[in-house]
Each structure stands twice: as C-alpha cells, then as structure tokens.
Amino acid sequence: MSERAYRNTPLAGWRAARFAATLAEARAGFGMFRLRRGRALTPRERAGWLHNYSRLALRRIGVDVIAEGDPPLEGLVASNHLSYLDVLVYSSLLPCLFVSKQEVYRWPVLGRFATLAGTIYVNRKRGAENSAATASMEQALRDGLPVVLFPEGTSSNGFSVLPFCSPFFEPAIRAGAPVSAAAIAYQSQTAPENELAYYGDAVFGPHLLRTLGQRRVCAHVSFEASKCRYEDRKLAARATQAEVEAMRAGMAGHGHLGRGATLTLAG
C-alpha cells in the first residue's frame, strides 16, 4: 500500500481485536472438537472446522463475500492468488484443503492455524522435496475432498495472472480427479485492489492493519462450471490458467476490479 493510502486507525484496531478474539475462539473450538472425538481430526473434519470459523472471522472484520457459480464438491480447484484473505474467503464458501507455500508455516499466528486446518505445504524452489505433499494431495482428491491450489506459487498485485506451475496438477491426474478454475477479486470503497493484495516486500502486520481499516471490503469469487479431467499436467496448467484469466477479465468488465479504481457505494 502507498504511504498516502486511506487509513482508519480506530476501525482497524476494533477489527483487529475482533479478529484476534475469533482466532482464540477457533483455537479453543479446535481443541474441544478434538477432545470430543478422542483422536486426531481427519482432513475433512479439519476442513469443516476452518469453514465454520472463516465465515465468522470474515463477518467480524467486515469482509463481504459474493460468489458466482457453485463451489465444487470435489476435485482440484485452481485459482489466482492475491492475499492471505484468499484462504478465509474460499474456506467460507466450501470446506476444503489448501495447498500453500512452505513459508506460510512460519507465519505468526496464521501459520499455526493453517497447519491445524490440514494445509499441505509445498516447496516452491525444490520440487524434488514435494513427494509427501503431492501424495497428500492425491489422497485427499481420492477421498473426494476439494483441494484449493494457487498454482501461481505466490500472491500477486492482480494486474495479471502469473504463470501456473504445472507439477501440482499431477496429483489430480493420478487420482483421476476433476480440475476446475476459480478466480478471486477484491473491492473496497477506500482502496484499489492492488493495495488490498499482499505481494512483494509487504510486511504482514502493517498490511493487515491497513486492510482492516478499509471501508466496505468485498471479495468476489467466480467458479467455473466446467470440470475437466486431464492426462497431461502441462495441458491442465495451460487450460486452467486461460480460464482464470478469462474470469478475471470478466470481473473487470463487470466492475468487480480495476487498476487504481475503487468501489463507490451509497450509504
């Protein structure tokens, strides 16, 4: 975010307190859930736990979610990646597992919650070390649990969709699971999308506080109706990226996003 970005410190502080309270509730809820089960939670149970608390967290920090299309009930879901909020947004719409870069594991607070939610961590720089991760993806897909993948490998400013990494489509091919595309965009009354995006050398804490201080933040998610099974991972990556780019372009055409543009709402 720029130095002249809109700031509402009281609002940010209030929402940060509510967010922290929600995280505390979620952690306690996880412990109680596991205690009642008397065993480690399954990936599906972890996904359900995150689904419930993501909806609560977004409501408390003032982020609205608008979805177009039906969230898939199974298969690999490939999306562009803009922010740490993406996980909360997608999880609020469907119980699912996430594939994330290894660095997220070390994030303060949120890294712990990502692990509790069953996140599958991958090493973006050393693909040879990802055999366990891809095996976990394949098993989840075989079990019929949706797996959300951000194949760009990192978040972007939203000006374009970064090239998709094809190796992480391989588990879907081995599992014979459907692959579908999804796209996410953000709007706010007080900030353009690229300032809501978390990318480059942005520092998590200050960025989160500035985001929480924005007015009328809305996440738009579009799910592609068609689901395809592929026999080649590179073809899967190219075809899915093209679909995501088309959906992002459609969002721009309908005013859901724009370079340097902000959303103006009445009231």
C-alpha atoms as a PDB file:
ATOM      1  CA  MET A   1       0.000   0.000   0.000  1.00  0.00           C
ATOM      2  CA  SER A   2       1.164   3.508  -0.711  1.00  0.00           C
ATOM      3  CA  GLU A   3       2.114   5.945   2.021  1.00  0.00           C
ATOM      4  CA  ARG A   4      -0.977   8.016   1.164  1.00  0.00           C
ATOM      5  CA  ALA A   5      -3.329   5.045   1.375  1.00  0.00           C
ATOM      6  CA  TYR A   6      -6.572   5.534   3.235  1.00  0.00           C
ATOM      7  CA  ARG A   7      -6.231   4.756   6.943  1.00  0.00           C
ATOM      8  CA  ASN A   8      -8.862   4.455   9.657  1.00  0.00           C
ATOM      9  CA  THR A   9      -6.902   3.580  12.778  1.00  0.00           C
ATOM     10  CA  PRO A  10      -9.863   3.208  15.181  1.00  0.00           C
ATOM     11  CA  LEU A  11     -11.674   0.906  12.745  1.00  0.00           C
ATOM     12  CA  ALA A  12      -8.512  -1.137  12.157  1.00  0.00           C
ATOM     13  CA  GLY A  13      -7.957  -1.505  15.895  1.00  0.00           C
ATOM     14  CA  TRP A  14     -11.541  -2.584  16.512  1.00  0.00           C
ATOM     15  CA  ARG A  15     -11.465  -5.157  13.751  1.00  0.00           C
ATOM     16  CA  ALA A  16      -8.027  -6.415  14.792  1.00  0.00           C
ATOM     17  CA  ALA A  17      -9.375  -7.046  18.288  1.00  0.00           C
ATOM     18  CA  ARG A  18     -12.364  -8.912  16.865  1.00  0.00           C
ATOM     19  CA  PHE A  19     -10.071 -10.916  14.579  1.00  0.00           C
ATOM     20  CA  ALA A  20      -7.823 -11.858  17.495  1.00  0.00           C
ATOM     21  CA  ALA A  21     -10.858 -12.905  19.534  1.00  0.00           C
ATOM     22  CA  THR A  22     -12.074 -15.066  16.660  1.00  0.00           C
ATOM     23  CA  LEU A  23      -8.697 -16.770  16.354  1.00  0.00           C
ATOM     24  CA  ALA A  24      -8.776 -17.508  20.074  1.00  0.00           C
ATOM     25  CA  GLU A  25     -12.281 -18.949  19.769  1.00  0.00           C
ATOM     26  CA  ALA A  26     -11.222 -21.018  16.770  1.00  0.00           C
ATOM     27  CA  ARG A  27      -8.230 -22.457  18.627  1.00  0.00           C
ATOM     28  CA  ALA A  28     -10.388 -23.358  21.607  1.00  0.00           C
ATOM     29  CA  GLY A  29     -13.026 -24.805  19.294  1.00  0.00           C
ATOM     30  CA  PHE A  30     -10.420 -26.988  17.608  1.00  0.00           C
ATOM     31  CA  GLY A  31      -9.293 -28.332  20.978  1.00  0.00           C
ATOM     32  CA  MET A  32     -12.849 -29.109  22.069  1.00  0.00           C
ATOM     33  CA  PHE A  33     -13.619 -30.755  18.731  1.00  0.00           C
ATOM     34  CA  ARG A  34     -10.597 -32.996  19.050  1.00  0.00           C
ATOM     35  CA  LEU A  35     -11.388 -33.772  22.699  1.00  0.00           C
ATOM     36  CA  ARG A  36     -14.911 -34.884  21.800  1.00  0.00           C
ATOM     37  CA  ARG A  37     -13.578 -37.097  19.020  1.00  0.00           C
ATOM     38  CA  GLY A  38     -10.897 -38.560  21.265  1.00  0.00           C
ATOM     39  CA  ARG A  39      -8.458 -38.779  18.350  1.00  0.00           C
ATOM     40  CA  ALA A  40      -6.668 -36.701  15.726  1.00  0.00           C
ATOM     41  CA  LEU A  41      -9.073 -34.998  13.349  1.00  0.00           C
ATOM     42  CA  THR A  42      -9.396 -36.181   9.773  1.00  0.00           C
ATOM     43  CA  PRO A  43      -8.665 -33.815   6.857  1.00  0.00           C
ATOM     44  CA  ARG A  44     -12.404 -33.489   6.226  1.00  0.00           C
ATOM     45  CA  GLU A  45     -13.058 -32.569   9.869  1.00  0.00           C
ATOM     46  CA  ARG A  46     -10.252 -30.009   9.802  1.00  0.00           C
ATOM     47  CA  ALA A  47     -11.709 -28.513   6.635  1.00  0.00           C
ATOM     48  CA  GLY A  48     -15.108 -28.259   8.299  1.00  0.00           C
ATOM     49  CA  TRP A  49     -13.594 -26.550  11.341  1.00  0.00           C
ATOM     50  CA  LEU A  50     -11.883 -23.932   9.168  1.00  0.00           C
ATOM     51  CA  HIS A  51     -15.049 -23.458   7.100  1.00  0.00           C
ATOM     52  CA  ASN A  52     -17.093 -22.518  10.160  1.00  0.00           C
ATOM     53  CA  TYR A  53     -14.564 -20.122  11.655  1.00  0.00           C
ATOM     54  CA  SER A  54     -13.679 -18.500   8.333  1.00  0.00           C
ATOM     55  CA  ARG A  55     -17.279 -17.400   7.938  1.00  0.00           C
ATOM     56  CA  LEU A  56     -17.251 -15.976  11.458  1.00  0.00           C
ATOM     57  CA  ALA A  57     -13.885 -14.231  11.008  1.00  0.00           C
ATOM     58  CA  LEU A  58     -14.843 -12.526   7.749  1.00  0.00           C
ATOM     59  CA  ARG A  59     -18.083 -11.277   9.214  1.00  0.00           C
ATOM     60  CA  ARG A  60     -16.300  -9.821  12.229  1.00  0.00           C
ATOM     61  CA  ILE A  61     -13.645  -7.998  10.205  1.00  0.00           C
ATOM     62  CA  GLY A  62     -16.154  -6.552   7.761  1.00  0.00           C
ATOM     63  CA  VAL A  63     -15.307  -8.523   4.606  1.00  0.00           C
ATOM     64  CA  ASP A  64     -18.309  -9.431   2.443  1.00  0.00           C
ATOM     65  CA  VAL A  65     -18.112 -12.372   0.039  1.00  0.00           C
ATOM     66  CA  ILE A  66     -20.005 -12.613  -3.246  1.00  0.00           C
ATOM     67  CA  ALA A  67     -19.784 -15.881  -5.175  1.00  0.00           C
ATOM     68  CA  GLU A  68     -20.798 -16.604  -8.756  1.00  0.00           C
ATOM     69  CA  GLY A  69     -21.291 -20.221  -9.720  1.00  0.00           C
ATOM     70  CA  ASP A  70     -21.453 -23.281  -7.492  1.00  0.00           C
ATOM     71  CA  PRO A  71     -18.423 -24.223  -5.379  1.00  0.00           C
ATOM     72  CA  PRO A  72     -17.215 -27.673  -6.454  1.00  0.00           C
ATOM     73  CA  LEU A  73     -17.830 -30.551  -4.066  1.00  0.00           C
ATOM     74  CA  GLU A  74     -14.700 -32.436  -5.132  1.00  0.00           C
ATOM     75  CA  GLY A  75     -11.583 -32.179  -7.246  1.00  0.00           C
ATOM     76  CA  LEU A  76      -8.745 -29.724  -7.646  1.00  0.00           C
ATOM     77  CA  VAL A  77      -9.735 -26.052  -7.670  1.00  0.00           C
ATOM     78  CA  ALA A  78      -7.099 -23.763  -9.218  1.00  0.00           C
ATOM     79  CA  SER A  79      -7.279 -20.031  -8.507  1.00  0.00           C
ATOM     80  CA  ASN A  80      -5.263 -16.865  -8.827  1.00  0.00           C
ATOM     81  CA  HIS A  81      -3.776 -15.660  -5.536  1.00  0.00           C
ATOM     82  CA  LEU A  82      -3.924 -12.124  -4.157  1.00  0.00           C
ATOM     83  CA  SER A  83      -3.928 -12.142  -0.364  1.00  0.00           C
ATOM     84  CA  TYR A  84      -3.823 -14.069   2.897  1.00  0.00           C
ATOM     85  CA  LEU A  85      -7.573 -13.371   2.919  1.00  0.00           C
ATOM     86  CA  ASP A  86      -7.974 -15.764  -0.035  1.00  0.00           C
ATOM     87  CA  VAL A  87      -7.860 -18.762   2.308  1.00  0.00           C
ATOM     88  CA  LEU A  88     -10.597 -17.377   4.558  1.00  0.00           C
ATOM     89  CA  VAL A  89     -12.733 -16.455   1.547  1.00  0.00           C
ATOM     90  CA  TYR A  90     -12.518 -19.825  -0.188  1.00  0.00           C
ATOM     91  CA  SER A  91     -12.883 -21.732   3.064  1.00  0.00           C
ATOM     92  CA  SER A  92     -16.011 -19.727   3.908  1.00  0.00           C
ATOM     93  CA  LEU A  93     -17.581 -20.970   0.674  1.00  0.00           C
ATOM     94  CA  LEU A  94     -16.605 -24.644   0.794  1.00  0.00           C
ATOM     95  CA  PRO A  95     -14.912 -26.988   3.269  1.00  0.00           C
ATOM     96  CA  CYS A  96     -11.612 -27.784   1.567  1.00  0.00           C
ATOM     97  CA  LEU A  97      -7.902 -28.362   1.980  1.00  0.00           C
ATOM     98  CA  PHE A  98      -5.362 -25.819   0.790  1.00  0.00           C
ATOM     99  CA  VAL A  99      -2.002 -26.191  -0.881  1.00  0.00           C
ATOM    100  CA  SER A 100       0.332 -23.439   0.281  1.00  0.00           C
ATOM    101  CA  LYS A 101       3.941 -22.390   0.026  1.00  0.00           C
ATOM    102  CA  GLN A 102       6.172 -23.638   2.822  1.00  0.00           C
ATOM    103  CA  GLU A 103       6.785 -20.110   4.111  1.00  0.00           C
ATOM    104  CA  VAL A 104       3.216 -19.872   5.411  1.00  0.00           C
ATOM    105  CA  TYR A 105       4.082 -22.495   8.054  1.00  0.00           C
ATOM    106  CA  ARG A 106       6.340 -19.930   9.746  1.00  0.00           C
ATOM    107  CA  TRP A 107       3.863 -17.050   9.672  1.00  0.00           C
ATOM    108  CA  PRO A 108       2.987 -15.784  13.161  1.00  0.00           C
ATOM    109  CA  VAL A 109      -0.432 -16.995  14.374  1.00  0.00           C
ATOM    110  CA  LEU A 110      -1.901 -17.651  10.907  1.00  0.00           C
ATOM    111  CA  GLY A 111       0.754 -20.266  10.159  1.00  0.00           C
ATOM    112  CA  ARG A 112      -0.370 -22.282  13.168  1.00  0.00           C
ATOM    113  CA  PHE A 113      -3.985 -22.115  12.051  1.00  0.00           C
ATOM    114  CA  ALA A 114      -3.061 -23.146   8.526  1.00  0.00           C
ATOM    115  CA  THR A 115      -1.405 -26.234   9.976  1.00  0.00           C
ATOM    116  CA  LEU A 116      -4.398 -27.053  12.183  1.00  0.00           C
ATOM    117  CA  ALA A 117      -6.604 -26.788   9.097  1.00  0.00           C
ATOM    118  CA  GLY A 118      -4.580 -29.513   7.382  1.00  0.00           C
ATOM    119  CA  THR A 119      -2.806 -27.254   4.866  1.00  0.00           C
ATOM    120  CA  ILE A 120      -0.494 -29.145   2.522  1.00  0.00           C
ATOM    121  CA  TYR A 121       2.822 -27.298   2.323  1.00  0.00           C
ATOM    122  CA  VAL A 122       4.982 -27.328  -0.788  1.00  0.00           C
ATOM    123  CA  ASN A 123       8.490 -26.095  -1.508  1.00  0.00           C
ATOM    124  CA  ARG A 124       8.313 -23.746  -4.491  1.00  0.00           C
ATOM    125  CA  LYS A 125      12.074 -23.872  -5.068  1.00  0.00           C
ATOM    126  CA  ARG A 126      12.794 -27.569  -4.611  1.00  0.00           C
ATOM    127  CA  GLY A 127      10.206 -29.616  -6.378  1.00  0.00           C
ATOM    128  CA  ALA A 128      12.036 -32.855  -5.580  1.00  0.00           C
ATOM    129  CA  GLU A 129      11.140 -32.386  -1.896  1.00  0.00           C
ATOM    130  CA  ASN A 130       7.403 -32.340  -2.538  1.00  0.00           C
ATOM    131  CA  SER A 131       6.715 -36.062  -2.866  1.00  0.00           C
ATOM    132  CA  ALA A 132       4.941 -36.225   0.515  1.00  0.00           C
ATOM    133  CA  ALA A 133       2.887 -33.130  -0.312  1.00  0.00           C
ATOM    134  CA  THR A 134       1.769 -34.436  -3.687  1.00  0.00           C
ATOM    135  CA  ALA A 135       0.891 -37.782  -2.090  1.00  0.00           C
ATOM    136  CA  SER A 136      -1.278 -35.962   0.457  1.00  0.00           C
ATOM    137  CA  MET A 137      -2.976 -34.034  -2.350  1.00  0.00           C
ATOM    138  CA  GLU A 138      -3.656 -37.231  -4.265  1.00  0.00           C
ATOM    139  CA  GLN A 139      -5.142 -38.953  -1.215  1.00  0.00           C
ATOM    140  CA  ALA A 140      -7.418 -36.011  -0.421  1.00  0.00           C
ATOM    141  CA  LEU A 141      -8.623 -35.933  -4.032  1.00  0.00           C
ATOM    142  CA  ARG A 142      -9.285 -39.686  -3.984  1.00  0.00           C
ATOM    143  CA  ASP A 143     -11.276 -39.194  -0.777  1.00  0.00           C
ATOM    144  CA  GLY A 144     -13.499 -36.670  -2.543  1.00  0.00           C
ATOM    145  CA  LEU A 145     -12.325 -33.632  -0.591  1.00  0.00           C
ATOM    146  CA  PRO A 146     -11.914 -30.398  -2.601  1.00  0.00           C
ATOM    147  CA  VAL A 147      -8.315 -29.180  -2.717  1.00  0.00           C
ATOM    148  CA  VAL A 148      -7.728 -25.487  -3.453  1.00  0.00           C
ATOM    149  CA  LEU A 149      -4.471 -24.740  -5.240  1.00  0.00           C
ATOM    150  CA  PHE A 150      -2.860 -21.379  -6.003  1.00  0.00           C
ATOM    151  CA  PRO A 151      -0.672 -22.515  -8.912  1.00  0.00           C
ATOM    152  CA  GLU A 152       0.988 -19.113  -9.398  1.00  0.00           C
ATOM    153  CA  GLY A 153       3.107 -20.147  -6.423  1.00  0.00           C
ATOM    154  CA  THR A 154       2.845 -16.734  -4.783  1.00  0.00           C
ATOM    155  CA  SER A 155       0.417 -13.856  -4.444  1.00  0.00           C
ATOM    156  CA  SER A 156       0.384 -11.021  -6.980  1.00  0.00           C
ATOM    157  CA  ASN A 157      -0.821  -7.434  -7.308  1.00  0.00           C
ATOM    158  CA  GLY A 158      -3.681  -8.590  -9.531  1.00  0.00           C
ATOM    159  CA  PHE A 159      -2.591  -6.728 -12.659  1.00  0.00           C
ATOM    160  CA  SER A 160      -2.073 -10.076 -14.386  1.00  0.00           C
ATOM    161  CA  VAL A 161      -2.243 -13.794 -13.634  1.00  0.00           C
ATOM    162  CA  LEU A 162       1.243 -15.209 -13.109  1.00  0.00           C
ATOM    163  CA  PRO A 163       2.288 -18.416 -14.911  1.00  0.00           C
ATOM    164  CA  PHE A 164       0.823 -21.559 -13.368  1.00  0.00           C
ATOM    165  CA  CYS A 165       3.228 -24.200 -12.028  1.00  0.00           C
ATOM    166  CA  SER A 166       2.270 -27.480 -13.669  1.00  0.00           C
ATOM    167  CA  PRO A 167       3.763 -30.090 -11.249  1.00  0.00           C
ATOM    168  CA  PHE A 168       0.991 -29.567  -8.702  1.00  0.00           C
ATOM    169  CA  PHE A 169      -1.639 -30.644 -11.208  1.00  0.00           C
ATOM    170  CA  GLU A 170      -0.081 -34.109 -11.305  1.00  0.00           C
ATOM    171  CA  PRO A 171      -1.923 -35.453  -8.203  1.00  0.00           C
ATOM    172  CA  ALA A 172      -5.272 -34.711  -9.855  1.00  0.00           C
ATOM    173  CA  ILE A 173      -4.182 -36.588 -12.961  1.00  0.00           C
ATOM    174  CA  ARG A 174      -3.032 -39.615 -10.934  1.00  0.00           C
ATOM    175  CA  ALA A 175      -6.246 -39.577  -8.887  1.00  0.00           C
ATOM    176  CA  GLY A 176      -8.445 -39.138 -11.952  1.00  0.00           C
ATOM    177  CA  ALA A 177      -9.972 -36.140 -10.204  1.00  0.00           C
ATOM    178  CA  PRO A 178     -11.724 -33.246 -11.959  1.00  0.00           C
ATOM    179  CA  VAL A 179      -9.937 -29.917 -12.247  1.00  0.00           C
ATOM    180  CA  SER A 180     -11.863 -26.653 -12.203  1.00  0.00           C
ATOM    181  CA  ALA A 181     -10.912 -22.987 -12.327  1.00  0.00           C
ATOM    182  CA  ALA A 182     -11.844 -20.241  -9.906  1.00  0.00           C
ATOM    183  CA  ALA A 183     -10.962 -16.554  -9.751  1.00  0.00           C
ATOM    184  CA  ILE A 184     -10.909 -14.103  -6.881  1.00  0.00           C
ATOM    185  CA  ALA A 185     -11.011 -10.299  -6.872  1.00  0.00           C
ATOM    186  CA  TYR A 186     -11.293  -7.623  -4.206  1.00  0.00           C
ATOM    187  CA  GLN A 187     -13.018  -4.275  -3.963  1.00  0.00           C
ATOM    188  CA  SER A 188     -13.182  -1.596  -1.338  1.00  0.00           C
ATOM    189  CA  GLN A 189     -14.746   1.821  -1.090  1.00  0.00           C
ATOM    190  CA  THR A 190     -11.394   3.235   0.022  1.00  0.00           C
ATOM    191  CA  ALA A 191      -8.653   1.200  -1.719  1.00  0.00           C
ATOM    192  CA  PRO A 192      -7.937  -0.280  -5.157  1.00  0.00           C
ATOM    193  CA  GLU A 193      -7.412  -3.996  -5.472  1.00  0.00           C
ATOM    194  CA  ASN A 194      -3.634  -3.785  -5.787  1.00  0.00           C
ATOM    195  CA  GLU A 195      -3.454  -2.110  -2.362  1.00  0.00           C
ATOM    196  CA  LEU A 196      -5.535  -4.875  -0.815  1.00  0.00           C
ATOM    197  CA  ALA A 197      -3.272  -7.501  -2.393  1.00  0.00           C
ATOM    198  CA  TYR A 198      -0.389  -8.844  -0.304  1.00  0.00           C
ATOM    199  CA  TYR A 199       2.668  -9.221  -2.502  1.00  0.00           C
ATOM    200  CA  GLY A 200       6.306  -8.273  -2.996  1.00  0.00           C
ATOM    201  CA  ASP A 201       8.034  -6.881   0.086  1.00  0.00           C
ATOM    202  CA  ALA A 202       4.841  -6.032   2.002  1.00  0.00           C
ATOM    203  CA  VAL A 203       5.112  -6.671   5.758  1.00  0.00           C
ATOM    204  CA  PHE A 204       2.281  -8.781   7.106  1.00  0.00           C
ATOM    205  CA  GLY A 205       1.385  -6.912  10.323  1.00  0.00           C
ATOM    206  CA  PRO A 206       1.167  -3.370   8.927  1.00  0.00           C
ATOM    207  CA  HIS A 207      -0.534  -4.622   5.759  1.00  0.00           C
ATOM    208  CA  LEU A 208      -3.175  -6.472   7.769  1.00  0.00           C
ATOM    209  CA  LEU A 209      -3.911  -3.412   9.900  1.00  0.00           C
ATOM    210  CA  ARG A 210      -4.283  -1.177   6.842  1.00  0.00           C
ATOM    211  CA  THR A 211      -6.559  -3.735   5.220  1.00  0.00           C
ATOM    212  CA  LEU A 212      -8.708  -3.976   8.337  1.00  0.00           C
ATOM    213  CA  GLY A 213      -9.037  -0.189   8.283  1.00  0.00           C
ATOM    214  CA  GLN A 214     -10.582  -0.061   4.800  1.00  0.00           C
ATOM    215  CA  ARG A 215     -14.284   0.554   4.291  1.00  0.00           C
ATOM    216  CA  ARG A 216     -16.595  -1.903   2.581  1.00  0.00           C
ATOM    217  CA  VAL A 217     -14.154  -4.592   1.563  1.00  0.00           C
ATOM    218  CA  CYS A 218     -15.758  -7.197  -0.681  1.00  0.00           C
ATOM    219  CA  ALA A 219     -14.284 -10.392  -2.078  1.00  0.00           C
ATOM    220  CA  HIS A 220     -15.741 -11.627  -5.378  1.00  0.00           C
ATOM    221  CA  VAL A 221     -15.246 -15.287  -6.285  1.00  0.00           C
ATOM    222  CA  SER A 222     -16.196 -16.889  -9.561  1.00  0.00           C
ATOM    223  CA  PHE A 223     -16.345 -20.671 -10.025  1.00  0.00           C
ATOM    224  CA  GLU A 224     -16.117 -22.172 -13.490  1.00  0.00           C
ATOM    225  CA  ALA A 225     -18.995 -24.552 -14.168  1.00  0.00           C
ATOM    226  CA  SER A 226     -16.992 -26.937 -16.357  1.00  0.00           C
ATOM    227  CA  LYS A 227     -14.778 -29.540 -14.717  1.00  0.00           C
ATOM    228  CA  CYS A 228     -12.229 -31.428 -16.767  1.00  0.00           C
ATOM    229  CA  ARG A 229     -10.092 -34.499 -16.249  1.00  0.00           C
ATOM    230  CA  TYR A 230      -6.672 -34.237 -17.836  1.00  0.00           C
ATOM    231  CA  GLU A 231      -3.994 -36.718 -18.816  1.00  0.00           C
ATOM    232  CA  ASP A 232      -1.173 -34.174 -19.007  1.00  0.00           C
ATOM    233  CA  ARG A 233      -0.231 -31.758 -16.222  1.00  0.00           C
ATOM    234  CA  LYS A 234       1.119 -29.071 -18.561  1.00  0.00           C
ATOM    235  CA  LEU A 235      -2.093 -29.077 -20.558  1.00  0.00           C
ATOM    236  CA  ALA A 236      -4.054 -28.860 -17.297  1.00  0.00           C
ATOM    237  CA  ALA A 237      -1.999 -25.861 -16.166  1.00  0.00           C
ATOM    238  CA  ARG A 238      -2.313 -24.014 -19.503  1.00  0.00           C
ATOM    239  CA  ALA A 239      -6.040 -24.644 -19.888  1.00  0.00           C
ATOM    240  CA  THR A 240      -6.852 -23.715 -16.291  1.00  0.00           C
ATOM    241  CA  GLN A 241      -4.753 -20.559 -16.419  1.00  0.00           C
ATOM    242  CA  ALA A 242      -6.599 -19.461 -19.561  1.00  0.00           C
ATOM    243  CA  GLU A 243      -9.919 -19.966 -17.789  1.00  0.00           C
ATOM    244  CA  VAL A 244      -8.786 -17.997 -14.742  1.00  0.00           C
ATOM    245  CA  GLU A 245      -7.545 -15.157 -16.954  1.00  0.00           C
ATOM    246  CA  ALA A 246     -10.884 -15.077 -18.770  1.00  0.00           C
ATOM    247  CA  MET A 247     -12.801 -14.953 -15.496  1.00  0.00           C
ATOM    248  CA  ARG A 248     -10.585 -12.163 -14.197  1.00  0.00           C
ATOM    249  CA  ALA A 249     -11.193 -10.219 -17.399  1.00  0.00           C
ATOM    250  CA  GLY A 250     -14.924 -10.765 -16.964  1.00  0.00           C
ATOM    251  CA  MET A 251     -14.735  -9.429 -13.425  1.00  0.00           C
ATOM    252  CA  ALA A 252     -13.030  -6.286 -14.707  1.00  0.00           C
ATOM    253  CA  GLY A 253     -15.717  -5.894 -17.343  1.00  0.00           C
ATOM    254  CA  HIS A 254     -18.416  -6.022 -14.705  1.00  0.00           C
ATOM    255  CA  GLY A 255     -16.677  -3.531 -12.438  1.00  0.00           C
ATOM    256  CA  HIS A 256     -15.501  -6.061  -9.863  1.00  0.00           C
ATOM    257  CA  LEU A 257     -11.921  -4.842 -10.049  1.00  0.00           C
ATOM    258  CA  GLY A 258      -9.715  -2.306 -11.735  1.00  0.00           C
ATOM    259  CA  ARG A 259      -6.229  -0.886 -11.749  1.00  0.00           C
ATOM    260  CA  GLY A 260      -6.222   2.044  -9.410  1.00  0.00           C
ATOM    261  CA  ALA A 261     -10.019   2.106  -9.240  1.00  0.00           C
ATOM    262  CA  THR A 262     -12.019   1.976  -6.023  1.00  0.00           C
ATOM    263  CA  LEU A 263     -15.584   0.919  -5.394  1.00  0.00           C
ATOM    264  CA  THR A 264     -18.078   3.675  -4.673  1.00  0.00           C
ATOM    265  CA  LEU A 265     -21.090   2.587  -2.650  1.00  0.00           C
ATOM    266  CA  ALA A 266     -24.032   4.524  -1.368  1.00  0.00           C
ATOM    267  CA  GLY A 267     -24.660   4.899   2.310  1.00  0.00           C
END
